[in-house]
N, C-alpha and C. Protein backbone atom coordinates (compact mmCIF):
# COMPACT_ATOMS: atom_id res chain seq x y z
N MET A 1 -31.73 -39.22 30.41
CA MET A 1 -30.78 -40.55 31.26
C MET A 1 -29.91 -39.69 31.85
N ASN A 2 -29.86 -40.12 33.45
CA ASN A 2 -28.58 -39.37 34.01
C ASN A 2 -27.36 -40.16 33.94
N ASP A 3 -26.21 -39.68 33.84
CA ASP A 3 -24.92 -40.40 33.58
C ASP A 3 -24.61 -40.68 35.24
N ALA A 4 -23.49 -41.38 34.64
CA ALA A 4 -22.85 -41.76 36.49
C ALA A 4 -22.41 -40.93 37.42
N THR A 5 -22.24 -39.67 37.07
CA THR A 5 -21.31 -38.87 37.43
C THR A 5 -22.82 -37.75 38.30
N SER A 6 -23.62 -37.97 37.62
CA SER A 6 -24.71 -37.07 38.20
C SER A 6 -26.02 -37.61 38.68
N ALA A 7 -26.31 -39.10 38.67
CA ALA A 7 -26.97 -40.14 39.36
C ALA A 7 -26.62 -40.22 40.96
N LYS A 8 -27.56 -40.18 41.56
CA LYS A 8 -27.85 -40.20 42.98
C LYS A 8 -26.97 -41.50 43.82
N PRO A 9 -25.68 -41.10 44.14
CA PRO A 9 -25.34 -42.68 44.55
C PRO A 9 -26.32 -43.43 45.30
N ALA A 10 -25.85 -45.23 45.37
CA ALA A 10 -26.55 -45.89 46.00
C ALA A 10 -26.05 -45.70 46.82
N ALA A 11 -24.94 -45.05 47.61
CA ALA A 11 -24.55 -45.29 48.64
C ALA A 11 -23.34 -44.22 49.03
N SER A 12 -22.78 -43.83 50.34
CA SER A 12 -21.80 -43.04 50.51
C SER A 12 -21.50 -42.78 52.08
N LEU A 13 -20.38 -42.20 51.78
CA LEU A 13 -19.76 -41.94 53.15
C LEU A 13 -18.37 -41.04 53.34
N GLU A 14 -18.69 -40.70 54.18
CA GLU A 14 -17.48 -39.15 54.59
C GLU A 14 -16.89 -39.24 55.71
N ALA A 15 -15.82 -38.71 55.87
CA ALA A 15 -14.76 -38.49 57.23
C ALA A 15 -14.35 -37.39 57.11
N LEU A 16 -14.99 -36.31 57.96
CA LEU A 16 -14.41 -35.23 58.19
C LEU A 16 -13.76 -34.78 59.21
N ASN A 17 -12.82 -33.34 59.37
CA ASN A 17 -12.71 -32.95 60.46
C ASN A 17 -13.37 -31.71 60.95
N ALA A 18 -12.69 -31.19 62.46
CA ALA A 18 -13.49 -30.08 62.90
C ALA A 18 -13.52 -28.62 61.57
N ALA A 19 -12.28 -28.96 60.96
CA ALA A 19 -12.52 -27.81 60.18
C ALA A 19 -13.33 -28.04 58.83
N GLY A 20 -14.26 -28.96 58.61
CA GLY A 20 -14.89 -29.90 57.46
C GLY A 20 -14.39 -29.84 56.62
N GLN A 21 -13.33 -30.45 56.51
CA GLN A 21 -12.14 -30.70 55.79
C GLN A 21 -12.30 -32.36 55.71
N GLY A 22 -12.05 -33.03 54.72
CA GLY A 22 -11.93 -34.46 54.63
C GLY A 22 -12.37 -35.28 53.43
N VAL A 23 -12.72 -36.48 53.04
CA VAL A 23 -12.94 -37.08 52.38
C VAL A 23 -14.16 -37.64 51.99
N ARG A 24 -14.41 -38.10 50.98
CA ARG A 24 -16.18 -38.79 50.78
C ARG A 24 -16.28 -40.27 49.95
N VAL A 25 -16.58 -40.87 49.88
CA VAL A 25 -16.85 -42.07 49.05
C VAL A 25 -18.05 -41.93 48.54
N GLU A 26 -18.54 -42.22 47.15
CA GLU A 26 -19.53 -42.42 46.65
C GLU A 26 -19.85 -43.94 45.84
N PHE A 27 -20.22 -44.47 45.95
CA PHE A 27 -20.79 -45.88 45.06
C PHE A 27 -22.50 -45.36 43.84
N ARG A 28 -21.73 -45.81 42.99
CA ARG A 28 -22.90 -45.98 41.51
C ARG A 28 -22.67 -47.29 40.85
N TRP A 29 -23.88 -47.41 40.43
CA TRP A 29 -24.06 -48.86 39.57
C TRP A 29 -23.93 -48.53 38.65
N GLN A 30 -23.00 -49.16 37.41
CA GLN A 30 -22.02 -48.88 36.46
C GLN A 30 -22.11 -50.14 35.63
N LYS A 31 -23.03 -50.20 35.03
CA LYS A 31 -23.38 -51.80 34.08
C LYS A 31 -23.56 -52.61 34.70
N ASP A 32 -22.76 -53.70 35.35
CA ASP A 32 -22.97 -54.63 36.02
C ASP A 32 -22.58 -54.54 37.38
N ARG A 33 -21.62 -53.45 37.95
CA ARG A 33 -21.02 -53.54 39.36
C ARG A 33 -21.12 -52.16 39.88
N PHE A 34 -20.86 -51.80 41.09
CA PHE A 34 -20.81 -50.92 41.52
C PHE A 34 -19.24 -50.40 41.32
N SER A 35 -19.15 -49.05 41.05
CA SER A 35 -17.97 -48.23 41.15
C SER A 35 -18.15 -47.09 42.13
N HIS A 36 -16.86 -46.46 42.60
CA HIS A 36 -16.55 -45.61 43.25
C HIS A 36 -16.17 -44.64 42.93
N THR A 37 -16.22 -43.28 43.51
CA THR A 37 -15.48 -42.22 43.24
C THR A 37 -14.90 -41.70 44.99
N VAL A 38 -13.67 -41.49 45.17
CA VAL A 38 -13.40 -40.40 45.92
C VAL A 38 -13.26 -38.98 46.02
N PHE A 39 -13.79 -38.34 47.01
CA PHE A 39 -14.00 -36.79 46.63
C PHE A 39 -12.80 -36.68 48.13
N GLY A 40 -12.13 -35.18 47.81
CA GLY A 40 -11.63 -34.12 48.25
C GLY A 40 -12.96 -33.17 48.68
N VAL A 41 -13.06 -33.31 50.28
CA VAL A 41 -14.56 -32.37 50.55
C VAL A 41 -13.85 -31.31 51.70
N ARG A 42 -14.10 -30.01 51.53
CA ARG A 42 -13.35 -28.63 51.98
C ARG A 42 -14.69 -27.94 51.86
N SER A 43 -14.88 -26.84 52.95
CA SER A 43 -15.86 -26.04 53.04
C SER A 43 -17.39 -26.23 52.13
N GLY A 44 -17.50 -27.64 52.80
CA GLY A 44 -18.88 -27.81 51.97
C GLY A 44 -18.82 -28.53 50.49
N LEU A 45 -17.85 -28.05 49.45
CA LEU A 45 -17.39 -28.24 48.44
C LEU A 45 -16.69 -29.69 47.93
N ALA A 46 -16.74 -30.47 46.96
CA ALA A 46 -16.46 -31.95 47.24
C ALA A 46 -15.41 -31.84 45.82
N VAL A 47 -14.29 -32.69 45.62
CA VAL A 47 -13.71 -32.73 44.35
C VAL A 47 -13.60 -34.10 44.14
N PRO A 48 -13.92 -34.73 42.80
CA PRO A 48 -13.19 -35.92 42.88
C PRO A 48 -12.33 -36.16 41.82
N LEU A 49 -11.20 -36.87 43.21
CA LEU A 49 -9.73 -37.32 43.12
C LEU A 49 -9.55 -38.61 42.16
N LEU A 50 -10.28 -39.41 42.92
CA LEU A 50 -10.41 -41.42 42.64
C LEU A 50 -11.38 -41.46 42.00
N GLU A 51 -11.15 -42.48 40.85
CA GLU A 51 -12.39 -43.46 40.41
C GLU A 51 -12.20 -44.33 40.14
N SER A 52 -12.62 -45.31 41.01
CA SER A 52 -12.21 -46.67 40.73
C SER A 52 -12.40 -47.56 39.36
N VAL A 53 -11.35 -48.17 38.95
CA VAL A 53 -11.09 -48.76 37.75
C VAL A 53 -11.98 -50.13 37.58
N GLU A 54 -12.48 -50.43 36.53
CA GLU A 54 -13.59 -51.45 36.56
C GLU A 54 -13.53 -52.13 35.70
N GLY A 55 -13.61 -53.48 35.63
CA GLY A 55 -13.07 -54.59 34.87
C GLY A 55 -14.49 -54.72 33.92
N VAL A 56 -14.43 -55.87 33.15
CA VAL A 56 -15.75 -56.07 32.85
C VAL A 56 -15.75 -57.74 32.65
N ASP A 57 -17.25 -58.31 32.63
CA ASP A 57 -17.84 -59.38 32.98
C ASP A 57 -17.43 -60.88 32.65
N GLU A 58 -16.33 -60.79 32.10
CA GLU A 58 -15.86 -61.52 31.23
C GLU A 58 -13.95 -62.09 32.10
N ASP A 59 -13.74 -60.68 32.81
CA ASP A 59 -12.74 -60.74 33.54
C ASP A 59 -12.67 -61.65 34.62
N CYS A 60 -12.20 -62.58 34.85
CA CYS A 60 -11.75 -63.36 36.38
C CYS A 60 -10.77 -62.65 37.08
N PHE A 61 -10.13 -61.87 36.59
CA PHE A 61 -9.53 -61.13 37.78
C PHE A 61 -8.88 -59.28 37.14
N PRO A 62 -10.40 -58.75 37.83
CA PRO A 62 -10.57 -57.35 37.14
C PRO A 62 -9.80 -56.53 37.86
N PRO A 63 -9.68 -55.22 37.12
CA PRO A 63 -8.35 -54.55 38.11
C PRO A 63 -8.78 -53.98 39.13
N SER A 64 -10.16 -53.89 39.64
CA SER A 64 -10.99 -53.69 40.80
C SER A 64 -11.69 -54.99 41.57
N PRO A 65 -12.32 -55.06 42.67
CA PRO A 65 -12.85 -56.43 42.87
C PRO A 65 -14.27 -56.04 42.72
N PRO A 66 -15.25 -56.64 41.76
CA PRO A 66 -16.47 -56.51 41.36
C PRO A 66 -17.52 -56.66 41.96
N TRP A 67 -17.79 -55.41 42.49
CA TRP A 67 -18.45 -55.83 43.76
C TRP A 67 -20.24 -55.13 43.01
N ALA A 68 -21.05 -56.36 43.28
CA ALA A 68 -22.35 -56.54 42.73
C ALA A 68 -23.69 -56.53 43.72
N GLU A 69 -22.89 -56.28 45.26
CA GLU A 69 -24.09 -56.63 45.69
C GLU A 69 -23.61 -55.35 46.84
N LEU A 70 -24.78 -54.12 47.33
CA LEU A 70 -23.86 -53.26 48.61
C LEU A 70 -24.88 -53.09 49.35
N HIS A 71 -24.58 -53.27 50.84
CA HIS A 71 -25.41 -52.64 51.72
C HIS A 71 -24.71 -51.80 52.97
N GLN A 72 -25.67 -50.86 53.22
CA GLN A 72 -25.38 -49.73 53.74
C GLN A 72 -25.76 -49.47 55.26
N GLN A 73 -25.32 -49.81 56.92
CA GLN A 73 -25.83 -49.57 57.56
C GLN A 73 -25.28 -48.68 58.81
N GLY A 74 -25.91 -47.13 58.75
CA GLY A 74 -25.43 -46.37 58.94
C GLY A 74 -23.80 -46.21 58.77
N GLU A 75 -22.98 -46.07 59.37
CA GLU A 75 -21.97 -45.99 58.78
C GLU A 75 -20.90 -46.78 58.25
N ALA A 76 -21.26 -47.57 58.12
CA ALA A 76 -20.86 -48.97 57.44
C ALA A 76 -21.39 -49.43 55.96
N ILE A 77 -20.74 -49.41 55.11
CA ILE A 77 -20.95 -50.43 53.63
C ILE A 77 -20.48 -51.51 53.61
N LEU A 78 -21.46 -52.32 53.27
CA LEU A 78 -20.81 -54.04 53.05
C LEU A 78 -20.79 -54.16 51.77
N LEU A 79 -20.14 -54.76 51.17
CA LEU A 79 -19.89 -55.49 49.43
C LEU A 79 -19.50 -56.62 49.38
N THR A 80 -20.12 -57.21 48.05
CA THR A 80 -19.67 -58.76 48.00
C THR A 80 -19.62 -58.54 46.41
N GLY A 81 -18.89 -59.81 45.68
CA GLY A 81 -19.04 -59.57 43.87
C GLY A 81 -18.20 -61.00 43.76
N ALA A 82 -18.34 -61.41 42.56
CA ALA A 82 -17.12 -63.00 42.27
C ALA A 82 -17.14 -62.70 40.81
N THR A 83 -16.40 -63.45 40.71
CA THR A 83 -15.98 -64.23 39.32
C THR A 83 -15.44 -65.37 39.15
N ALA A 84 -15.04 -66.02 38.07
CA ALA A 84 -14.99 -67.44 38.28
C ALA A 84 -13.52 -67.82 39.14
N ALA A 85 -12.95 -66.90 39.38
CA ALA A 85 -11.82 -67.35 39.99
C ALA A 85 -11.61 -66.99 41.65
N GLY A 86 -12.71 -66.27 41.70
CA GLY A 86 -12.82 -66.13 43.48
C GLY A 86 -14.20 -65.43 43.77
N HIS A 87 -14.46 -64.92 45.19
CA HIS A 87 -15.26 -63.99 46.06
C HIS A 87 -14.84 -62.93 46.50
N TRP A 88 -15.13 -61.91 46.34
CA TRP A 88 -14.49 -60.24 47.16
C TRP A 88 -15.73 -60.36 48.05
N SER A 89 -14.95 -59.77 49.16
CA SER A 89 -16.08 -58.91 50.26
C SER A 89 -15.15 -57.85 50.52
N MET A 90 -16.08 -56.88 50.64
CA MET A 90 -15.47 -55.53 51.59
C MET A 90 -16.35 -55.04 52.49
N SER A 91 -15.31 -54.26 53.68
CA SER A 91 -16.43 -53.88 54.73
C SER A 91 -15.62 -52.33 54.68
N LEU A 92 -16.93 -50.92 54.80
CA LEU A 92 -15.84 -49.69 54.12
C LEU A 92 -16.35 -48.84 55.96
N GLY A 93 -15.46 -48.14 56.44
CA GLY A 93 -16.25 -47.67 57.53
C GLY A 93 -15.16 -46.28 57.82
N ILE A 94 -15.66 -45.77 59.00
CA ILE A 94 -14.94 -44.34 59.14
C ILE A 94 -13.80 -45.06 60.80
N ALA A 95 -12.41 -44.68 60.40
CA ALA A 95 -12.00 -44.74 61.60
C ALA A 95 -10.91 -43.84 62.06
N ASP A 96 -11.15 -43.23 63.47
CA ASP A 96 -10.81 -42.29 63.70
C ASP A 96 -11.25 -40.91 63.60
N SER A 97 -12.22 -40.51 63.02
CA SER A 97 -12.86 -39.98 63.22
C SER A 97 -12.39 -38.95 61.23
N ARG A 98 -11.38 -39.50 60.83
CA ARG A 98 -11.24 -38.69 59.77
C ARG A 98 -10.78 -39.57 58.56
N PHE A 99 -10.36 -41.13 58.87
CA PHE A 99 -10.32 -41.92 57.84
C PHE A 99 -11.41 -42.78 57.24
N LEU A 100 -11.20 -42.87 55.94
CA LEU A 100 -12.56 -44.12 55.49
C LEU A 100 -11.13 -45.46 55.14
N LEU A 101 -11.69 -46.12 56.02
CA LEU A 101 -11.10 -47.55 55.96
C LEU A 101 -11.69 -48.91 54.80
N PHE A 102 -10.95 -49.09 53.93
CA PHE A 102 -11.14 -50.31 53.05
C PHE A 102 -10.69 -51.30 53.64
N ASP A 103 -11.66 -52.25 54.20
CA ASP A 103 -10.78 -53.73 54.31
C ASP A 103 -11.78 -54.74 53.23
N VAL A 104 -10.49 -55.49 52.59
CA VAL A 104 -10.52 -56.37 51.56
C VAL A 104 -10.26 -57.54 51.34
N ALA A 105 -10.94 -58.28 51.24
CA ALA A 105 -10.29 -59.98 51.25
C ALA A 105 -11.00 -60.32 49.66
N CYS A 106 -10.24 -61.66 49.41
CA CYS A 106 -10.19 -62.29 48.25
C CYS A 106 -10.21 -63.63 48.52
N ARG A 107 -10.96 -64.49 48.14
CA ARG A 107 -11.31 -66.13 48.40
C ARG A 107 -11.09 -66.41 47.05
N LEU A 108 -9.96 -67.25 46.62
CA LEU A 108 -9.51 -67.18 45.79
C LEU A 108 -9.91 -68.81 45.60
N ARG A 109 -10.56 -69.28 44.73
CA ARG A 109 -10.55 -70.79 43.97
C ARG A 109 -9.06 -71.46 43.71
N ALA A 110 -8.74 -70.60 42.53
CA ALA A 110 -7.20 -71.02 41.68
C ALA A 110 -6.85 -69.74 41.21
N GLY A 111 -5.74 -69.60 40.47
CA GLY A 111 -5.52 -68.68 39.24
C GLY A 111 -3.72 -68.15 40.01
N ASP A 112 -3.63 -66.97 39.04
CA ASP A 112 -2.43 -66.46 39.38
C ASP A 112 -2.77 -64.74 38.57
N GLY A 113 -3.70 -64.34 38.41
CA GLY A 113 -4.00 -63.46 38.14
C GLY A 113 -3.77 -62.29 39.27
N ALA A 114 -3.79 -60.64 38.93
CA ALA A 114 -3.33 -59.68 39.96
C ALA A 114 -4.35 -59.64 40.75
N ILE A 115 -4.67 -59.65 42.30
CA ILE A 115 -5.34 -59.51 43.38
C ILE A 115 -5.09 -57.82 43.56
N GLN A 116 -6.19 -56.67 43.04
CA GLN A 116 -5.39 -55.25 43.52
C GLN A 116 -7.00 -54.53 43.85
N SER A 117 -6.67 -53.21 44.00
CA SER A 117 -7.74 -51.94 43.73
C SER A 117 -6.89 -50.77 42.80
N VAL A 118 -7.57 -50.78 41.76
CA VAL A 118 -6.81 -49.56 41.02
C VAL A 118 -7.72 -48.48 40.39
N TYR A 119 -7.04 -47.26 41.12
CA TYR A 119 -7.81 -45.88 41.18
C TYR A 119 -7.37 -45.22 40.08
N LYS A 120 -7.95 -44.78 38.77
CA LYS A 120 -7.48 -43.84 38.27
C LYS A 120 -7.83 -42.16 38.74
N ILE A 121 -6.66 -41.27 38.12
CA ILE A 121 -6.91 -40.20 38.60
C ILE A 121 -8.00 -39.39 38.41
N ALA A 122 -8.98 -39.07 38.93
CA ALA A 122 -10.57 -38.39 38.28
C ALA A 122 -10.02 -36.93 37.99
N GLY A 123 -10.22 -36.21 36.45
CA GLY A 123 -9.87 -35.61 35.98
C GLY A 123 -8.83 -34.81 35.14
N ALA A 124 -8.44 -33.71 35.04
CA ALA A 124 -7.51 -33.07 34.69
C ALA A 124 -6.88 -32.28 35.88
N ASN A 125 -5.56 -32.05 35.60
CA ASN A 125 -4.87 -31.31 36.65
C ASN A 125 -4.84 -32.01 37.84
N LYS A 126 -4.61 -33.06 38.63
CA LYS A 126 -4.64 -33.79 39.33
C LYS A 126 -2.58 -34.21 39.09
N LEU A 127 -2.09 -34.47 40.53
CA LEU A 127 -1.07 -34.87 40.36
C LEU A 127 -0.89 -35.85 41.66
N CYS A 128 -0.54 -37.09 41.59
CA CYS A 128 0.12 -38.07 42.35
C CYS A 128 1.39 -38.17 42.78
N SER A 129 1.36 -38.55 44.10
CA SER A 129 2.99 -38.67 44.47
C SER A 129 3.76 -39.67 45.23
N ALA A 130 4.46 -40.50 45.32
CA ALA A 130 4.86 -41.68 45.94
C ALA A 130 4.92 -40.95 47.53
N THR A 131 4.41 -41.49 48.69
CA THR A 131 5.19 -41.47 49.85
C THR A 131 5.17 -43.00 50.53
N SER A 132 5.68 -43.58 49.89
CA SER A 132 5.91 -44.78 50.42
C SER A 132 5.52 -45.02 51.81
N PRO A 133 4.71 -46.04 52.14
CA PRO A 133 3.91 -47.00 51.20
C PRO A 133 2.96 -46.45 51.10
N GLY A 134 2.68 -45.29 50.86
CA GLY A 134 1.35 -44.81 50.19
C GLY A 134 1.40 -43.95 49.17
N ALA A 135 0.39 -42.78 48.80
CA ALA A 135 0.57 -42.17 47.73
C ALA A 135 -0.18 -40.97 47.91
N VAL A 136 -0.16 -39.84 47.33
CA VAL A 136 -1.07 -38.72 47.95
C VAL A 136 -1.62 -38.07 46.66
N VAL A 137 -2.92 -37.94 46.06
CA VAL A 137 -2.89 -37.33 45.03
C VAL A 137 -3.82 -36.13 45.25
N THR A 138 -3.51 -34.65 44.61
CA THR A 138 -4.04 -33.33 44.89
C THR A 138 -4.47 -32.72 43.73
N SER A 139 -5.24 -31.75 43.54
CA SER A 139 -5.60 -31.20 42.47
C SER A 139 -5.40 -29.49 42.62
N GLU A 140 -5.43 -28.63 41.39
CA GLU A 140 -4.72 -27.60 41.06
C GLU A 140 -5.43 -26.88 42.13
N ALA A 141 -6.17 -26.98 42.75
CA ALA A 141 -7.51 -26.13 43.60
C ALA A 141 -7.08 -26.27 45.28
N GLY A 142 -5.94 -27.28 45.08
CA GLY A 142 -5.51 -27.68 46.45
C GLY A 142 -6.29 -28.77 47.74
N TYR A 143 -7.03 -29.55 46.80
CA TYR A 143 -7.73 -30.85 47.10
C TYR A 143 -6.99 -31.65 47.32
N SER A 144 -6.36 -32.63 48.44
CA SER A 144 -5.31 -33.52 48.53
C SER A 144 -6.09 -34.32 49.13
N VAL A 145 -5.72 -35.80 48.90
CA VAL A 145 -6.13 -36.76 49.52
C VAL A 145 -4.88 -37.68 49.35
N SER A 146 -4.76 -38.63 50.75
CA SER A 146 -3.83 -39.80 51.35
C SER A 146 -4.24 -41.07 51.21
N VAL A 147 -3.10 -41.78 50.44
CA VAL A 147 -3.99 -43.31 50.28
C VAL A 147 -2.57 -44.45 50.72
N GLY A 148 -3.03 -45.02 51.67
CA GLY A 148 -2.39 -45.88 52.54
C GLY A 148 -2.76 -47.21 53.00
N PRO A 149 -1.24 -48.01 53.51
CA PRO A 149 -2.03 -49.12 54.47
C PRO A 149 -2.60 -48.68 55.62
N HIS A 150 -3.69 -49.33 56.50
CA HIS A 150 -3.96 -49.26 57.78
C HIS A 150 -3.90 -49.83 58.78
N GLY A 151 -2.96 -49.43 59.76
CA GLY A 151 -2.49 -50.23 60.83
C GLY A 151 -1.42 -51.40 60.55
N LEU A 152 -0.82 -52.18 61.55
CA LEU A 152 0.58 -52.96 61.44
C LEU A 152 0.10 -54.13 61.10
N GLU A 153 -1.46 -54.82 61.07
CA GLU A 153 -1.47 -56.37 61.20
C GLU A 153 -0.62 -56.91 59.58
N PRO A 154 0.17 -57.66 59.71
CA PRO A 154 0.81 -58.19 58.58
C PRO A 154 0.18 -58.50 57.61
N SER A 155 -1.05 -59.46 58.14
CA SER A 155 -1.95 -60.25 57.66
C SER A 155 -2.67 -59.32 56.61
N CYS A 156 -2.96 -58.10 56.61
CA CYS A 156 -3.66 -56.93 55.68
C CYS A 156 -2.90 -56.27 55.34
N GLY A 157 -1.24 -56.48 54.48
CA GLY A 157 -0.75 -55.42 54.40
C GLY A 157 -0.92 -55.08 53.27
N CYS A 158 -0.43 -54.04 52.40
CA CYS A 158 -0.53 -53.46 51.14
C CYS A 158 0.39 -52.37 51.12
N GLN A 159 0.69 -52.26 49.55
CA GLN A 159 1.76 -51.20 48.70
C GLN A 159 0.71 -50.76 47.98
N VAL A 160 1.30 -49.20 48.07
CA VAL A 160 0.27 -48.21 47.44
C VAL A 160 1.77 -47.59 46.01
N THR A 161 0.88 -47.60 45.09
CA THR A 161 1.70 -47.21 44.15
C THR A 161 1.19 -46.26 43.07
N CYS A 162 1.75 -45.48 42.42
CA CYS A 162 1.97 -44.47 41.42
C CYS A 162 2.18 -45.31 40.25
N ASP A 163 1.54 -45.09 38.98
CA ASP A 163 1.79 -45.73 38.15
C ASP A 163 3.23 -45.07 37.24
N ASP A 164 4.09 -45.29 36.08
CA ASP A 164 5.04 -44.77 35.60
C ASP A 164 4.55 -44.13 34.83
N GLU A 165 3.79 -43.12 34.33
CA GLU A 165 3.60 -42.40 33.35
C GLU A 165 4.12 -40.65 33.66
N GLN A 166 5.38 -40.85 34.07
CA GLN A 166 6.54 -40.13 34.42
C GLN A 166 5.91 -38.87 35.12
N ALA A 167 6.23 -37.66 34.74
CA ALA A 167 5.56 -36.47 36.01
C ALA A 167 3.78 -36.60 36.05
N HIS A 168 3.26 -37.06 35.37
CA HIS A 168 1.53 -37.16 35.68
C HIS A 168 1.30 -38.34 35.77
N PRO A 169 1.21 -39.35 36.76
CA PRO A 169 0.60 -40.42 36.79
C PRO A 169 -0.90 -40.09 36.33
N SER A 170 -1.15 -41.20 36.14
CA SER A 170 -2.88 -41.31 35.57
C SER A 170 -3.60 -42.50 36.82
N ARG A 171 -2.61 -43.50 37.35
CA ARG A 171 -3.46 -44.07 38.20
C ARG A 171 -2.56 -44.95 39.20
N ILE A 172 -3.35 -45.19 40.18
CA ILE A 172 -2.81 -45.82 41.48
C ILE A 172 -3.09 -47.38 41.61
N SER A 173 -2.77 -48.08 42.56
CA SER A 173 -2.63 -49.19 42.52
C SER A 173 -2.59 -49.78 43.88
N VAL A 174 -3.79 -50.49 44.68
CA VAL A 174 -3.23 -50.60 45.79
C VAL A 174 -3.18 -52.23 45.51
N VAL A 175 -1.91 -52.49 46.11
CA VAL A 175 -1.40 -54.41 46.26
C VAL A 175 -1.75 -55.13 47.41
N PRO A 176 -2.14 -56.30 47.30
CA PRO A 176 -1.87 -56.72 48.77
C PRO A 176 -0.38 -57.33 49.14
N THR A 177 0.06 -57.06 49.76
CA THR A 177 1.63 -57.89 50.15
C THR A 177 1.48 -59.38 50.36
N ASP A 178 0.31 -60.02 50.37
CA ASP A 178 0.35 -61.23 50.37
C ASP A 178 -0.12 -61.42 49.10
N GLU A 179 0.06 -61.22 47.65
CA GLU A 179 -0.42 -61.80 46.37
C GLU A 179 -0.57 -62.63 45.78
N ASN A 180 0.60 -63.65 46.19
CA ASN A 180 0.64 -64.79 45.52
C ASN A 180 0.31 -66.05 46.63
N PRO A 181 -0.51 -66.60 46.66
CA PRO A 181 -0.79 -67.49 47.45
C PRO A 181 -0.34 -68.62 46.53
N ARG A 182 0.25 -69.79 47.48
CA ARG A 182 0.83 -71.08 46.66
C ARG A 182 -0.04 -71.91 46.75
N THR A 183 -1.36 -72.35 47.68
CA THR A 183 -1.92 -73.32 47.49
C THR A 183 -3.54 -72.76 47.78
N PHE A 184 -4.47 -73.60 47.13
CA PHE A 184 -5.83 -72.99 47.04
C PHE A 184 -6.77 -73.90 47.37
N PRO A 185 -7.95 -73.82 47.87
CA PRO A 185 -8.40 -72.36 47.74
C PRO A 185 -7.46 -71.52 48.97
N ALA A 186 -7.70 -70.49 48.81
CA ALA A 186 -6.66 -69.39 49.53
C ALA A 186 -7.41 -67.37 49.55
N THR A 187 -7.24 -67.09 50.91
CA THR A 187 -7.44 -66.21 50.90
C THR A 187 -6.74 -64.96 50.99
N VAL A 188 -6.86 -63.61 50.32
CA VAL A 188 -6.27 -62.65 50.09
C VAL A 188 -6.75 -61.88 50.82
N ARG A 189 -6.01 -60.94 51.97
CA ARG A 189 -7.06 -59.39 52.01
C ARG A 189 -5.84 -58.62 52.34
N TRP A 190 -6.35 -57.14 52.43
CA TRP A 190 -5.44 -56.09 52.03
C TRP A 190 -6.71 -55.06 52.69
N ARG A 191 -5.79 -53.98 53.46
CA ARG A 191 -6.71 -53.13 54.24
C ARG A 191 -5.97 -51.66 54.25
N TYR A 192 -6.78 -50.68 53.33
CA TYR A 192 -5.83 -49.44 53.11
C TYR A 192 -6.94 -48.02 53.36
N SER A 193 -6.58 -47.26 53.81
CA SER A 193 -7.38 -45.37 54.20
C SER A 193 -7.44 -44.62 53.28
N VAL A 194 -8.03 -43.50 53.31
CA VAL A 194 -8.23 -42.53 52.81
C VAL A 194 -8.39 -41.25 53.53
N CYS A 195 -7.18 -40.06 53.61
CA CYS A 195 -8.00 -39.26 54.79
C CYS A 195 -7.47 -37.80 53.33
N TRP A 196 -8.12 -36.66 54.19
CA TRP A 196 -7.59 -35.33 53.85
C TRP A 196 -6.12 -35.62 53.87
N ALA A 197 -5.04 -35.07 53.35
CA ALA A 197 -3.86 -34.97 53.88
C ALA A 197 -3.54 -33.58 54.06
N VAL A 198 -3.04 -33.79 54.94
CA VAL A 198 -2.76 -32.22 55.81
C VAL A 198 -1.31 -31.88 55.33
N GLY A 199 -1.23 -30.23 55.37
CA GLY A 199 -0.40 -29.72 54.46
C GLY A 199 -0.41 -29.03 53.07
């Protein structure tokens, strides 16, 4: 039986520049939901840099949205999932040929839990540096991706932060700017992109 890293992905999408550098995302079924991994790609080689942090069935507010259904149509991936607290949806596509664009929404029934997308830094020897309002994750081999808000629409804003594990943070969080609605039901939306970090 193959583990999650060697099994064929359920869906994948990549955005590469003319030099063959860029990013790829792969989705795989993990227990009761789809997890995803972000790779830095260069000269045909891919290195995993970020892995979504998943919750368990009992979580009303899991660390990352609980994707239970996935559909891919060409260069677009659509996902949905739900908990007792709300219903999540996401469209994932390519923007300007080099960005993977994650457009996420949660329709909340009630509650005051954390709405976010959390990633752990994949493998060893990776560095995360804050570049407010985003973050850059780099491997020792020089593979590097940038994660940050995409576009200027205030209703879709977000902040990307590295955790505070001193010099070598192990996680980054993408948190909607408007994460605490006062009335319910309410929709919270956040949009972020991942691209090859130049430099």
